[in-house]
Amino acid sequence: MTITLTSQQTSFFIKNGFLELEGLFTSLEAKKYHVAILETLEKRKEKDPIVQGRDLWRDSPTLKSLVCSRKLSTVALLATGKSTIRLACDQWFPPSYTHAKPEKLKDLLSIQGILCGMLIQLQPGTFEIPEKISPLGLLPFPQAQGSVLLVKPTLLLNWPSISTQLGLYLVVYSEPASVYIQNPQDRAGTSLKQLGYGYGDRLKNETHPTFSR
């Protein structure tokens, strides 16, 4: 299957900072990836769900095949107009995840040089907008199983203050020359130190592969 974006889609993404791609994955594919996430989480001992859900692909061949797939990397390359991008991280947000206020993707991660994020809906059902929610920002919830919401790192994401009952899987791509930085807002911000990184280090191909057109 050849992945492409129309000129209208890329223009919309550039102008508005987001783009929803419906049915990028089949229901069977979505279910497979969701099962892989749950199995990987079960093996980890971290109490903080954000720390537990960071970089799941490192412990799951199934999720590695997803985040390193031509399907996702091609979408990211076309949308950002870059010739080369780097896998920054993946992150599982459990159904209980909330945030006190709208936040930009770039402010939630300890990586400088974020290009885009892909929020993937792996579970069936649709999201119902809570009655009380800030008018600022975009609800980061694709509408159907297998759909992907592509977002710019500067776009405000309006996480509801109550549980949505639908978890979300985030895959993030960055500039080839991305740098590991200190960010107190990133609850999993020290995870890269376990891979030998120090603040100010550039991400390496051995731990964060690159993809080109």
Protein backbone atom coordinates (compact mmCIF):
# COMPACT_ATOMS: atom_id res chain seq x y z
CA MET A 1 0.00 0.00 0.00
CA THR A 2 1.45 3.35 -1.11
CA ILE A 3 1.01 6.13 1.44
CA THR A 4 0.61 9.66 0.16
CA LEU A 5 -0.90 12.98 1.20
CA THR A 6 -2.75 15.30 -1.13
CA SER A 7 -1.72 18.92 -1.54
CA GLN A 8 -4.93 19.87 0.26
CA GLN A 9 -4.01 17.69 3.24
CA THR A 10 -0.48 19.07 3.55
CA SER A 11 -1.78 22.64 3.19
CA PHE A 12 -4.36 22.01 5.91
CA PHE A 13 -1.69 20.61 8.23
CA ILE A 14 0.65 23.55 7.62
CA LYS A 15 -2.12 26.09 8.20
CA ASN A 16 -3.98 24.49 11.12
CA GLY A 17 -1.32 22.41 12.83
CA PHE A 18 -3.22 19.13 12.72
CA LEU A 19 -4.61 16.59 10.29
CA GLU A 20 -6.77 13.54 10.96
CA LEU A 21 -6.16 10.49 8.79
CA GLU A 22 -9.08 8.10 9.01
CA GLY A 23 -8.62 4.35 8.67
CA LEU A 24 -4.84 4.42 8.43
CA PHE A 25 -4.91 1.06 10.20
CA THR A 26 -7.47 -1.73 10.02
CA SER A 27 -9.34 -2.79 13.15
CA LEU A 28 -7.27 -5.99 13.25
CA GLU A 29 -4.00 -4.03 13.06
CA ALA A 30 -5.19 -1.61 15.75
CA LYS A 31 -6.17 -4.48 18.04
CA LYS A 32 -2.79 -6.17 17.51
CA TYR A 33 -0.90 -3.02 18.50
CA HIS A 34 -3.16 -2.42 21.50
CA VAL A 35 -2.55 -5.96 22.77
CA ALA A 36 1.21 -5.44 22.33
CA ILE A 37 1.03 -2.26 24.41
CA LEU A 38 -0.84 -3.96 27.25
CA GLU A 39 1.55 -6.92 27.22
CA THR A 40 4.59 -4.64 27.35
CA LEU A 41 3.12 -2.53 30.15
CA GLU A 42 2.47 -5.69 32.14
CA LYS A 43 6.18 -6.54 32.07
CA ARG A 44 7.27 -3.16 33.39
CA LYS A 45 7.47 -2.33 37.10
CA GLU A 46 7.18 1.46 36.99
CA LYS A 47 4.42 2.97 39.14
CA ASP A 48 4.13 6.23 37.18
CA PRO A 49 1.99 5.40 34.09
CA ILE A 50 3.81 7.97 31.94
CA VAL A 51 7.24 6.54 32.79
CA GLN A 52 5.85 3.04 32.32
CA GLY A 53 4.44 3.96 28.91
CA ARG A 54 7.50 5.71 27.44
CA ASP A 55 9.47 4.01 24.65
CA LEU A 56 7.45 0.81 24.68
CA TRP A 57 8.82 0.00 21.24
CA ARG A 58 12.19 -0.84 22.78
CA ASP A 59 10.66 -3.88 24.49
CA SER A 60 8.17 -4.94 21.82
CA PRO A 61 9.03 -6.18 18.31
CA THR A 62 5.40 -5.59 17.32
CA LEU A 63 5.47 -1.93 18.36
CA LYS A 64 8.93 -1.49 16.84
CA SER A 65 7.50 -2.64 13.52
CA LEU A 66 4.85 0.07 13.87
CA VAL A 67 6.95 3.08 14.89
CA CYS A 68 9.64 2.17 12.33
CA SER A 69 7.15 1.43 9.55
CA ARG A 70 7.21 3.16 6.19
CA LYS A 71 3.54 3.94 6.71
CA LEU A 72 4.09 6.26 9.68
CA SER A 73 7.46 7.64 8.62
CA THR A 74 6.21 8.48 5.12
CA VAL A 75 3.25 10.41 6.53
CA ALA A 76 5.59 12.34 8.82
CA LEU A 77 8.05 13.06 6.01
CA LEU A 78 5.35 14.29 3.65
CA ALA A 79 3.53 16.40 6.24
CA THR A 80 6.66 18.14 7.52
CA GLY A 81 8.33 18.46 4.13
CA LYS A 82 11.57 17.04 5.50
CA SER A 83 13.93 14.71 3.64
CA THR A 84 14.99 12.94 6.85
CA ILE A 85 13.36 12.54 10.25
CA ARG A 86 14.24 10.75 13.47
CA LEU A 87 12.14 8.60 15.79
CA ALA A 88 12.03 10.58 19.03
CA CYS A 89 9.86 8.35 21.23
CA ASP A 90 6.55 6.67 21.69
CA GLN A 91 4.19 7.16 24.64
CA TRP A 92 1.09 5.38 25.90
CA PHE A 93 -1.47 7.60 27.63
CA PRO A 94 -3.75 5.39 29.75
CA PRO A 95 -7.52 6.01 29.95
CA SER A 96 -7.00 7.74 33.31
CA TYR A 97 -4.59 10.34 31.88
CA THR A 98 -5.59 13.97 32.37
CA HIS A 99 -3.78 17.29 32.29
CA ALA A 100 -4.49 20.45 34.27
CA LYS A 101 -4.36 22.75 31.24
CA PRO A 102 -3.82 22.66 27.46
CA GLU A 103 -0.21 21.84 26.65
CA LYS A 104 1.97 21.83 23.56
CA LEU A 105 3.54 18.54 22.56
CA LYS A 106 7.02 20.06 22.55
CA ASP A 107 6.60 21.10 26.19
CA LEU A 108 5.77 17.57 27.35
CA LEU A 109 9.00 15.94 26.13
CA SER A 110 12.70 16.18 26.95
CA ILE A 111 13.71 16.35 23.31
CA GLN A 112 14.47 19.55 21.41
CA GLY A 113 13.66 19.53 17.71
CA ILE A 114 10.26 17.82 17.68
CA LEU A 115 8.64 17.91 14.21
CA CYS A 116 5.31 16.17 14.71
CA GLY A 117 3.38 13.68 16.76
CA MET A 118 0.88 11.03 15.73
CA LEU A 119 -1.92 10.21 18.16
CA ILE A 120 -3.27 6.80 17.22
CA GLN A 121 -6.66 5.49 18.31
CA LEU A 122 -6.29 1.75 18.80
CA GLN A 123 -9.59 1.00 20.51
CA PRO A 124 -13.14 0.90 19.12
CA GLY A 125 -15.69 3.52 20.06
CA THR A 126 -15.84 7.29 19.79
CA PHE A 127 -14.87 9.97 22.25
CA GLU A 128 -17.60 12.03 23.89
CA ILE A 129 -16.65 15.63 24.66
CA PRO A 130 -17.02 16.36 28.40
CA GLU A 131 -19.41 19.15 29.40
CA LYS A 132 -16.69 21.09 31.19
CA ILE A 133 -13.64 21.60 29.04
CA SER A 134 -11.42 24.56 28.21
CA PRO A 135 -12.18 26.24 24.86
CA LEU A 136 -8.44 26.43 24.22
CA GLY A 137 -6.60 23.84 22.21
CA LEU A 138 -7.52 20.75 20.24
CA LEU A 139 -8.93 17.56 21.70
CA PRO A 140 -6.19 15.02 20.90
CA PHE A 141 -8.60 12.19 20.12
CA PRO A 142 -8.98 10.62 16.67
CA GLN A 143 -12.62 9.71 16.16
CA ALA A 144 -12.43 6.03 15.24
CA GLN A 145 -10.32 2.93 15.74
CA GLY A 146 -7.38 2.88 13.37
CA SER A 147 -7.41 6.65 12.79
CA VAL A 148 -4.43 8.92 13.39
CA LEU A 149 -4.32 12.57 14.44
CA LEU A 150 -1.16 14.22 13.14
CA VAL A 151 -0.20 17.30 15.20
CA LYS A 152 2.48 19.96 15.16
CA PRO A 153 4.64 20.30 18.29
CA THR A 154 3.39 23.87 18.85
CA LEU A 155 -0.31 22.98 18.80
CA LEU A 156 -2.17 23.17 22.10
CA LEU A 157 -3.59 19.79 23.08
CA ASN A 158 -6.60 20.06 25.35
CA TRP A 159 -6.59 16.95 27.53
CA PRO A 160 -9.90 16.72 29.42
CA SER A 161 -9.81 17.03 33.20
CA ILE A 162 -11.70 13.75 33.51
CA SER A 163 -10.98 10.25 32.29
CA THR A 164 -11.98 9.59 28.68
CA GLN A 165 -12.00 5.78 29.08
CA LEU A 166 -9.98 5.64 25.85
CA GLY A 167 -6.21 5.41 25.99
CA LEU A 168 -4.05 6.90 23.25
CA TYR A 169 -0.78 5.86 21.66
CA LEU A 170 1.58 8.66 20.62
CA VAL A 171 4.49 8.32 18.20
CA VAL A 172 6.82 11.33 17.88
CA TYR A 173 9.30 12.21 15.15
CA SER A 174 11.98 14.89 15.32
CA GLU A 175 14.78 16.61 13.45
CA PRO A 176 17.85 14.45 12.69
CA ALA A 177 19.92 16.76 14.92
CA SER A 178 17.54 16.57 17.90
CA VAL A 179 18.98 17.12 21.36
CA TYR A 180 18.18 15.61 24.77
CA ILE A 181 17.26 18.45 27.14
CA GLN A 182 16.14 18.86 30.72
CA ASN A 183 12.39 19.41 30.99
CA PRO A 184 10.75 19.28 34.45
CA GLN A 185 7.32 18.83 32.83
CA ASP A 186 8.37 15.50 31.30
CA ARG A 187 7.70 12.87 33.96
CA ALA A 188 9.76 10.36 31.96
CA GLY A 189 12.46 12.91 31.29
CA THR A 190 15.31 10.96 32.87
CA SER A 191 14.63 7.76 30.92
CA LEU A 192 17.27 8.50 28.28
CA LYS A 193 19.96 8.62 30.95
CA GLN A 194 19.57 4.84 31.18
CA LEU A 195 20.75 4.72 27.56
CA GLY A 196 23.86 6.75 28.37
CA TYR A 197 22.59 10.20 27.42
CA GLY A 198 23.36 13.44 29.23
CA TYR A 199 21.57 16.75 28.81
CA GLY A 200 22.78 18.49 25.66
CA ASP A 201 23.62 15.26 23.81
CA ARG A 202 22.36 14.74 20.29
CA LEU A 203 20.19 11.70 19.71
CA LYS A 204 22.05 8.82 18.10
CA ASN A 205 21.02 6.46 15.33
CA GLU A 206 21.67 3.46 17.57
CA THR A 207 18.85 4.47 19.92
CA HIS A 208 16.71 6.72 17.72
CA PRO A 209 16.68 5.56 14.08
CA THR A 210 16.26 7.95 11.17
CA PHE A 211 14.01 7.62 8.09
CA SER A 212 14.45 9.26 4.70
CA ARG A 213 12.41 9.66 1.54
